[in-house]
Structures are given as C-alpha cells and as structure tokens.
Amino acid sequence: MAIEGIFRDEIELKQVDKFFAGEMGRQIHRYIKARGSMSMLEKVERQVEALPIPERERVMAKYIDLNRKVIANLDWRMLIARSMANFCDSYNYFIKMVADEETMNFYENRMKKKYVRFHEVFEDNGKYGIKDFDGTVLIHPRYDFLRTPFVYVDDLVSMPVIAEKDGKMGLVLPDGHDTIVLPFDYEDISLSDEEPWFELTKDGQKFPWNGFDRLKE
C-alpha cells in the first residue's frame, strides 16, 4: 500500500522520468569513457541531450541493447533514489518515498520497461530474422544464420548484422528493409571488440573492414 501523500501523479512521473534519464545518461557516460575517446563521448552526449525525454529514453534503450554491459551490474534502485532526491522538495518526503516498497517497485518496473528493450532472433520455416522489443521486424526471416554484434561504437548509427545466405556471409542493416551493407560474397565475417569492427575472409584471405562512414551518409 502506498504511503499517504504519494500519489504518483503526472508531474511526479514526468520529473522522475527526466531525472532518471539523466542518471542513465551518466551510466552510459562512464561506460563510453572507459572504452572510447573524449570526442566519441561528447558526440554521443550531444546527440542524446538534444532530444525530448521520451525520445532520449528510446535512443538510450537502443544503445543499451547493443551494449548490454552498460547495465550488467546496475543498481536500479540507487539510480531511482537519486532521481527521487532531485524531485523531492524535502528530505523527509524523500525518505518516505524511498522507504515505501510499493513506490520503489513501481519505479523499478517502470524504468526497466523503458530501458531494457532487447531485440530477439526468431525462426520462420528454418530461416532467421530479428524483431525489436515491440515485435517490429528489423530483419526478415530470409537467412540461414544471424549474429548481432554487441560491441561499442562511437555513434548512434545502427550496427550491421552478420548474416549467412546460400553458404556465403554478408552484412545487413536491421532497418526493416534488409539493406545490404556488404554483399554475400564472403566465406566468413568475424567480429572484434575494437576498430576495425569486422574481419572479412574471401578467397582464403583475411582483411579488416570498417565501413561506418557510408552508414552515416
């Protein structure tokens, strides 16, 4: 039962959402700072901070989907408590909110629904595709094998997916249109956790590939 005086009205929800978005942004900040350059960090933060809160939540959830280590050991309640502290106008009110288990459960479930929105690989007639959290098809089930790269990138650009078709490997964008980034001409495509992100094998020869500039055009 919620404590007296806590109603979770529209103003409270919007404010806690806003402050939590800031806390999640700091979590992503620390993740990128440990793995990338300052210019990469500033670029991502400029893009995210310019967005309204609902869109910022969506973009950060997409980033987390491809960089799941961001929330691997996340203390959700600590971030919620910090968000509540920013919302509350008195220490006593803050203590009451944090101590109320129903309120904490409500916000923990709310925030996880916003930020933990993982895609899934699905099968249809022996072929594989990818759907997002809401069930929208990102890659149609036309491929014998799919591998989503869970790696850090320095932008919010969509990462291509390694796919196999008719015994050959290629790269496909999860854009709902099966846009081919690299044709199905390769014997193998492997991933790296740093640039260049992909290693291609063709005619027995291996060579690196990082074609993200063309994806940003």
C-alpha atoms as a PDB file:
ATOM      1  CA  MET A   1       0.000   0.000   0.000  1.00  0.00           C
ATOM      2  CA  ALA A   2       1.415   3.383  -0.988  1.00  0.00           C
ATOM      3  CA  ILE A   3       2.117   5.768   1.874  1.00  0.00           C
ATOM      4  CA  GLU A   4      -0.113   8.750   2.483  1.00  0.00           C
ATOM      5  CA  GLY A   5       0.733  11.761   0.365  1.00  0.00           C
ATOM      6  CA  ILE A   6       2.433   9.890  -2.512  1.00  0.00           C
ATOM      7  CA  PHE A   7       0.085   9.810  -5.482  1.00  0.00           C
ATOM      8  CA  ARG A   8       2.404   9.281  -8.452  1.00  0.00           C
ATOM      9  CA  ASP A   9       0.629  11.986 -10.409  1.00  0.00           C
ATOM     10  CA  GLU A  10       1.589  13.159 -13.892  1.00  0.00           C
ATOM     11  CA  ILE A  11       4.018  15.789 -12.633  1.00  0.00           C
ATOM     12  CA  GLU A  12       5.865  13.326 -10.407  1.00  0.00           C
ATOM     13  CA  LEU A  13       6.107  10.733 -13.183  1.00  0.00           C
ATOM     14  CA  LYS A  14       7.468  13.219 -15.711  1.00  0.00           C
ATOM     15  CA  GLN A  15      10.012  14.632 -13.273  1.00  0.00           C
ATOM     16  CA  VAL A  16      11.277  11.260 -12.048  1.00  0.00           C
ATOM     17  CA  ASP A  17      11.482  10.084 -15.669  1.00  0.00           C
ATOM     18  CA  LYS A  18      13.508  13.169 -16.538  1.00  0.00           C
ATOM     19  CA  PHE A  19      15.939  12.813 -13.654  1.00  0.00           C
ATOM     20  CA  PHE A  20      16.301   9.072 -14.254  1.00  0.00           C
ATOM     21  CA  ALA A  21      17.167   9.765 -17.904  1.00  0.00           C
ATOM     22  CA  GLY A  22      19.969  11.970 -16.594  1.00  0.00           C
ATOM     23  CA  GLU A  23      21.175   9.180 -14.308  1.00  0.00           C
ATOM     24  CA  MET A  24      21.104   6.635 -17.128  1.00  0.00           C
ATOM     25  CA  GLY A  25      22.957   9.109 -19.315  1.00  0.00           C
ATOM     26  CA  ARG A  26      25.701   9.260 -16.668  1.00  0.00           C
ATOM     27  CA  GLN A  27      25.825   5.459 -16.611  1.00  0.00           C
ATOM     28  CA  ILE A  28      26.380   5.422 -20.372  1.00  0.00           C
ATOM     29  CA  HIS A  29      28.912   8.258 -19.957  1.00  0.00           C
ATOM     30  CA  ARG A  30      31.015   6.122 -17.615  1.00  0.00           C
ATOM     31  CA  TYR A  31      30.762   3.139 -19.959  1.00  0.00           C
ATOM     32  CA  ILE A  32      31.921   5.093 -23.010  1.00  0.00           C
ATOM     33  CA  LYS A  33      34.624   6.942 -21.062  1.00  0.00           C
ATOM     34  CA  ALA A  34      36.192   3.628 -20.064  1.00  0.00           C
ATOM     35  CA  ARG A  35      36.267   2.386 -23.682  1.00  0.00           C
ATOM     36  CA  GLY A  36      36.410   5.307 -26.100  1.00  0.00           C
ATOM     37  CA  SER A  37      37.850   8.739 -26.696  1.00  0.00           C
ATOM     38  CA  MET A  38      36.592  12.049 -25.309  1.00  0.00           C
ATOM     39  CA  SER A  39      35.465  13.105 -28.792  1.00  0.00           C
ATOM     40  CA  MET A  40      33.350   9.929 -29.067  1.00  0.00           C
ATOM     41  CA  LEU A  41      31.837  10.623 -25.658  1.00  0.00           C
ATOM     42  CA  GLU A  42      30.981  14.236 -26.452  1.00  0.00           C
ATOM     43  CA  LYS A  43      29.480  13.262 -29.804  1.00  0.00           C
ATOM     44  CA  VAL A  44      27.066  10.740 -28.301  1.00  0.00           C
ATOM     45  CA  GLU A  45      26.110  13.021 -25.413  1.00  0.00           C
ATOM     46  CA  ARG A  46      25.353  15.960 -27.730  1.00  0.00           C
ATOM     47  CA  GLN A  47      23.036  13.766 -29.783  1.00  0.00           C
ATOM     48  CA  VAL A  48      21.213  12.366 -26.752  1.00  0.00           C
ATOM     49  CA  GLU A  49      20.870  15.560 -24.706  1.00  0.00           C
ATOM     50  CA  ALA A  50      19.209  17.433 -27.581  1.00  0.00           C
ATOM     51  CA  LEU A  51      16.271  15.008 -27.581  1.00  0.00           C
ATOM     52  CA  PRO A  52      12.994  15.238 -25.611  1.00  0.00           C
ATOM     53  CA  ILE A  53      12.803  12.743 -22.731  1.00  0.00           C
ATOM     54  CA  PRO A  54      10.681  10.015 -24.429  1.00  0.00           C
ATOM     55  CA  GLU A  55      12.953  10.021 -27.476  1.00  0.00           C
ATOM     56  CA  ARG A  56      16.050  10.119 -25.259  1.00  0.00           C
ATOM     57  CA  GLU A  57      14.764   7.037 -23.428  1.00  0.00           C
ATOM     58  CA  ARG A  58      14.218   5.236 -26.730  1.00  0.00           C
ATOM     59  CA  VAL A  59      17.686   6.071 -28.056  1.00  0.00           C
ATOM     60  CA  MET A  60      19.417   5.082 -24.817  1.00  0.00           C
ATOM     61  CA  ALA A  61      17.452   1.809 -24.744  1.00  0.00           C
ATOM     62  CA  LYS A  62      18.651   1.088 -28.276  1.00  0.00           C
ATOM     63  CA  TYR A  63      22.227   1.854 -27.245  1.00  0.00           C
ATOM     64  CA  ILE A  64      21.908  -0.437 -24.217  1.00  0.00           C
ATOM     65  CA  ASP A  65      20.521  -3.203 -26.440  1.00  0.00           C
ATOM     66  CA  LEU A  66      23.803  -3.191 -28.406  1.00  0.00           C
ATOM     67  CA  ASN A  67      25.992  -2.523 -25.359  1.00  0.00           C
ATOM     68  CA  ARG A  68      24.375  -4.631 -22.652  1.00  0.00           C
ATOM     69  CA  LYS A  69      27.329  -4.346 -20.296  1.00  0.00           C
ATOM     70  CA  VAL A  70      26.096  -0.804 -19.546  1.00  0.00           C
ATOM     71  CA  ILE A  71      23.503  -2.289 -17.179  1.00  0.00           C
ATOM     72  CA  ALA A  72      25.221  -5.583 -16.341  1.00  0.00           C
ATOM     73  CA  ASN A  73      25.725  -4.669 -12.668  1.00  0.00           C
ATOM     74  CA  LEU A  74      23.421  -1.682 -12.458  1.00  0.00           C
ATOM     75  CA  ASP A  75      21.838  -0.865  -9.105  1.00  0.00           C
ATOM     76  CA  TRP A  76      18.469   0.285 -10.444  1.00  0.00           C
ATOM     77  CA  ARG A  77      17.222   1.393  -7.039  1.00  0.00           C
ATOM     78  CA  MET A  78      20.224   3.623  -6.459  1.00  0.00           C
ATOM     79  CA  LEU A  79      19.513   5.457  -9.716  1.00  0.00           C
ATOM     80  CA  ILE A  80      15.841   5.680  -8.778  1.00  0.00           C
ATOM     81  CA  ALA A  81      16.719   7.060  -5.332  1.00  0.00           C
ATOM     82  CA  ARG A  82      18.923   9.736  -6.915  1.00  0.00           C
ATOM     83  CA  SER A  83      16.098  10.643  -9.281  1.00  0.00           C
ATOM     84  CA  MET A  84      13.665  10.895  -6.382  1.00  0.00           C
ATOM     85  CA  ALA A  85      16.100  13.070  -4.453  1.00  0.00           C
ATOM     86  CA  ASN A  86      16.120  15.532  -7.345  1.00  0.00           C
ATOM     87  CA  PHE A  87      12.331  15.545  -7.437  1.00  0.00           C
ATOM     88  CA  CYS A  88      11.593  15.875  -3.716  1.00  0.00           C
ATOM     89  CA  ASP A  89      11.448  19.294  -2.057  1.00  0.00           C
ATOM     90  CA  SER A  90      12.214  17.971   1.429  1.00  0.00           C
ATOM     91  CA  TYR A  91      14.429  15.307   2.991  1.00  0.00           C
ATOM     92  CA  ASN A  92      11.506  13.795   4.918  1.00  0.00           C
ATOM     93  CA  TYR A  93       9.435  13.353   1.779  1.00  0.00           C
ATOM     94  CA  PHE A  94      12.416  11.767   0.036  1.00  0.00           C
ATOM     95  CA  ILE A  95      12.932   9.282   2.894  1.00  0.00           C
ATOM     96  CA  LYS A  96       9.259   8.322   2.786  1.00  0.00           C
ATOM     97  CA  MET A  97       9.366   7.710  -0.954  1.00  0.00           C
ATOM     98  CA  VAL A  98      12.492   5.571  -0.800  1.00  0.00           C
ATOM     99  CA  ALA A  99      11.195   3.591   2.189  1.00  0.00           C
ATOM    100  CA  ASP A 100       7.898   2.759   0.502  1.00  0.00           C
ATOM    101  CA  GLU A 101       8.356  -0.637  -1.160  1.00  0.00           C
ATOM    102  CA  GLU A 102       5.346  -0.280  -3.457  1.00  0.00           C
ATOM    103  CA  THR A 103       6.665   3.009  -4.786  1.00  0.00           C
ATOM    104  CA  MET A 104      10.155   1.628  -5.337  1.00  0.00           C
ATOM    105  CA  ASN A 105       8.777  -1.462  -7.079  1.00  0.00           C
ATOM    106  CA  PHE A 106       6.613   0.740  -9.275  1.00  0.00           C
ATOM    107  CA  TYR A 107       9.545   2.855 -10.423  1.00  0.00           C
ATOM    108  CA  GLU A 108      11.934  -0.069 -10.810  1.00  0.00           C
ATOM    109  CA  ASN A 109       9.450  -1.841 -13.102  1.00  0.00           C
ATOM    110  CA  ARG A 110       8.730   1.395 -14.946  1.00  0.00           C
ATOM    111  CA  MET A 111      12.379   2.134 -15.667  1.00  0.00           C
ATOM    112  CA  LYS A 112      13.228  -1.408 -16.706  1.00  0.00           C
ATOM    113  CA  LYS A 113      10.342  -1.350 -19.184  1.00  0.00           C
ATOM    114  CA  LYS A 114      11.769   1.846 -20.659  1.00  0.00           C
ATOM    115  CA  TYR A 115      15.435   0.861 -20.884  1.00  0.00           C
ATOM    116  CA  VAL A 116      15.578  -2.949 -21.098  1.00  0.00           C
ATOM    117  CA  ARG A 117      14.152  -3.405 -24.579  1.00  0.00           C
ATOM    118  CA  PHE A 118      16.210  -6.159 -26.146  1.00  0.00           C
ATOM    119  CA  HIS A 119      15.693  -7.420 -29.674  1.00  0.00           C
ATOM    120  CA  GLU A 120      15.395 -11.126 -30.443  1.00  0.00           C
ATOM    121  CA  VAL A 121      16.334 -13.507 -33.225  1.00  0.00           C
ATOM    122  CA  PHE A 122      13.348 -15.537 -34.433  1.00  0.00           C
ATOM    123  CA  GLU A 123      12.903 -18.501 -36.803  1.00  0.00           C
ATOM    124  CA  ASP A 124      10.346 -18.995 -39.556  1.00  0.00           C
ATOM    125  CA  ASN A 125      10.458 -22.077 -41.794  1.00  0.00           C
ATOM    126  CA  GLY A 126      14.112 -22.695 -40.988  1.00  0.00           C
ATOM    127  CA  LYS A 127      15.197 -19.120 -41.754  1.00  0.00           C
ATOM    128  CA  TYR A 128      16.161 -16.462 -39.216  1.00  0.00           C
ATOM    129  CA  GLY A 129      15.184 -12.840 -38.723  1.00  0.00           C
ATOM    130  CA  ILE A 130      15.291 -10.207 -35.991  1.00  0.00           C
ATOM    131  CA  LYS A 131      12.464  -8.405 -34.190  1.00  0.00           C
ATOM    132  CA  ASP A 132      12.751  -5.467 -31.844  1.00  0.00           C
ATOM    133  CA  PHE A 133      11.259  -5.469 -28.351  1.00  0.00           C
ATOM    134  CA  ASP A 134       7.862  -4.342 -29.672  1.00  0.00           C
ATOM    135  CA  GLY A 135       7.733  -7.102 -32.283  1.00  0.00           C
ATOM    136  CA  THR A 136       8.593  -4.944 -35.295  1.00  0.00           C
ATOM    137  CA  VAL A 137      10.585  -6.944 -37.839  1.00  0.00           C
ATOM    138  CA  LEU A 138      14.039  -5.416 -38.286  1.00  0.00           C
ATOM    139  CA  ILE A 139      15.427  -8.186 -40.488  1.00  0.00           C
ATOM    140  CA  HIS A 140      13.074 -10.551 -42.296  1.00  0.00           C
ATOM    141  CA  PRO A 141      13.495 -14.339 -41.891  1.00  0.00           C
ATOM    142  CA  ARG A 142      15.484 -14.955 -45.076  1.00  0.00           C
ATOM    143  CA  TYR A 143      18.836 -16.007 -43.656  1.00  0.00           C
ATOM    144  CA  ASP A 144      20.476 -19.254 -42.575  1.00  0.00           C
ATOM    145  CA  PHE A 145      22.405 -17.570 -39.756  1.00  0.00           C
ATOM    146  CA  LEU A 146      22.403 -14.195 -37.999  1.00  0.00           C
ATOM    147  CA  ARG A 147      24.794 -12.713 -35.490  1.00  0.00           C
ATOM    148  CA  THR A 148      24.109  -9.347 -33.884  1.00  0.00           C
ATOM    149  CA  PRO A 149      27.285  -7.507 -32.897  1.00  0.00           C
ATOM    150  CA  PHE A 150      27.224  -6.477 -29.249  1.00  0.00           C
ATOM    151  CA  VAL A 151      30.138  -4.068 -29.462  1.00  0.00           C
ATOM    152  CA  TYR A 152      30.816  -0.455 -28.613  1.00  0.00           C
ATOM    153  CA  VAL A 153      30.600   2.042 -31.462  1.00  0.00           C
ATOM    154  CA  ASP A 154      31.334   5.767 -31.378  1.00  0.00           C
ATOM    155  CA  ASP A 155      27.971   6.883 -32.740  1.00  0.00           C
ATOM    156  CA  LEU A 156      24.271   6.093 -32.527  1.00  0.00           C
ATOM    157  CA  VAL A 157      24.347   4.612 -36.033  1.00  0.00           C
ATOM    158  CA  SER A 158      22.740   1.197 -36.479  1.00  0.00           C
ATOM    159  CA  MET A 159      25.217  -1.653 -36.462  1.00  0.00           C
ATOM    160  CA  PRO A 160      25.038  -4.101 -39.379  1.00  0.00           C
ATOM    161  CA  VAL A 161      24.285  -7.739 -38.629  1.00  0.00           C
ATOM    162  CA  ILE A 162      26.395 -10.658 -39.840  1.00  0.00           C
ATOM    163  CA  ALA A 163      24.178 -12.889 -41.979  1.00  0.00           C
ATOM    164  CA  GLU A 164      24.616 -16.091 -43.978  1.00  0.00           C
ATOM    165  CA  LYS A 165      22.721 -16.857 -47.171  1.00  0.00           C
ATOM    166  CA  ASP A 166      23.355 -19.723 -49.611  1.00  0.00           C
ATOM    167  CA  GLY A 167      26.622 -20.576 -47.876  1.00  0.00           C
ATOM    168  CA  LYS A 168      28.105 -17.055 -48.068  1.00  0.00           C
ATOM    169  CA  MET A 169      28.381 -14.296 -45.450  1.00  0.00           C
ATOM    170  CA  GLY A 170      27.380 -10.653 -45.750  1.00  0.00           C
ATOM    171  CA  LEU A 171      26.290  -7.658 -43.648  1.00  0.00           C
ATOM    172  CA  VAL A 172      22.672  -6.493 -43.397  1.00  0.00           C
ATOM    173  CA  LEU A 173      21.228  -3.430 -41.658  1.00  0.00           C
ATOM    174  CA  PRO A 174      18.409  -4.016 -39.128  1.00  0.00           C
ATOM    175  CA  ASP A 175      16.352  -1.229 -40.739  1.00  0.00           C
ATOM    176  CA  GLY A 176      13.237  -3.203 -41.689  1.00  0.00           C
ATOM    177  CA  HIS A 177      14.289  -3.224 -45.351  1.00  0.00           C
ATOM    178  CA  ASP A 178      17.136  -5.782 -45.231  1.00  0.00           C
ATOM    179  CA  THR A 179      19.525  -3.192 -46.657  1.00  0.00           C
ATOM    180  CA  ILE A 180      22.705  -4.986 -47.703  1.00  0.00           C
ATOM    181  CA  VAL A 181      25.856  -3.251 -46.467  1.00  0.00           C
ATOM    182  CA  LEU A 182      28.212  -5.910 -47.797  1.00  0.00           C
ATOM    183  CA  PRO A 183      27.111  -8.450 -50.432  1.00  0.00           C
ATOM    184  CA  PHE A 184      27.037 -12.171 -49.707  1.00  0.00           C
ATOM    185  CA  ASP A 185      30.477 -12.822 -51.173  1.00  0.00           C
ATOM    186  CA  TYR A 186      32.484 -13.807 -48.104  1.00  0.00           C
ATOM    187  CA  GLU A 187      33.496 -17.133 -46.659  1.00  0.00           C
ATOM    188  CA  ASP A 188      33.495 -15.731 -43.143  1.00  0.00           C
ATOM    189  CA  ILE A 189      32.931 -12.479 -41.248  1.00  0.00           C
ATOM    190  CA  SER A 190      34.135 -12.216 -37.671  1.00  0.00           C
ATOM    191  CA  LEU A 191      33.783  -9.523 -35.021  1.00  0.00           C
ATOM    192  CA  SER A 192      36.266  -7.572 -32.972  1.00  0.00           C
ATOM    193  CA  ASP A 193      35.599  -5.563 -29.801  1.00  0.00           C
ATOM    194  CA  GLU A 194      37.538  -2.607 -31.187  1.00  0.00           C
ATOM    195  CA  GLU A 195      38.062  -0.902 -34.543  1.00  0.00           C
ATOM    196  CA  PRO A 196      38.085  -2.138 -37.224  1.00  0.00           C
ATOM    197  CA  TRP A 197      34.945  -3.942 -36.094  1.00  0.00           C
ATOM    198  CA  PHE A 198      34.799  -6.641 -38.768  1.00  0.00           C
ATOM    199  CA  GLU A 199      37.302  -9.037 -40.301  1.00  0.00           C
ATOM    200  CA  LEU A 200      36.341 -10.425 -43.699  1.00  0.00           C
ATOM    201  CA  THR A 201      37.543 -13.637 -45.334  1.00  0.00           C
ATOM    202  CA  LYS A 202      37.393 -14.014 -49.113  1.00  0.00           C
ATOM    203  CA  ASP A 203      39.292 -16.489 -51.274  1.00  0.00           C
ATOM    204  CA  GLY A 204      41.189 -17.554 -48.167  1.00  0.00           C
ATOM    205  CA  GLN A 205      42.461 -14.012 -47.491  1.00  0.00           C
ATOM    206  CA  LYS A 206      41.572 -12.069 -44.348  1.00  0.00           C
ATOM    207  CA  PHE A 207      41.271  -8.281 -44.231  1.00  0.00           C
ATOM    208  CA  PRO A 208      39.683  -5.739 -41.872  1.00  0.00           C
ATOM    209  CA  TRP A 209      36.593  -3.692 -42.670  1.00  0.00           C
ATOM    210  CA  ASN A 210      35.054  -0.669 -41.001  1.00  0.00           C
ATOM    211  CA  GLY A 211      32.566   0.943 -43.327  1.00  0.00           C
ATOM    212  CA  PHE A 212      30.627   3.049 -40.844  1.00  0.00           C
ATOM    213  CA  ASP A 213      31.259   6.281 -42.715  1.00  0.00           C
ATOM    214  CA  ARG A 214      28.972   5.094 -45.502  1.00  0.00           C
ATOM    215  CA  LEU A 215      26.252   4.275 -42.951  1.00  0.00           C
ATOM    216  CA  LYS A 216      26.275   7.867 -41.667  1.00  0.00           C
ATOM    217  CA  GLU A 217      25.863   9.471 -45.093  1.00  0.00           C
END
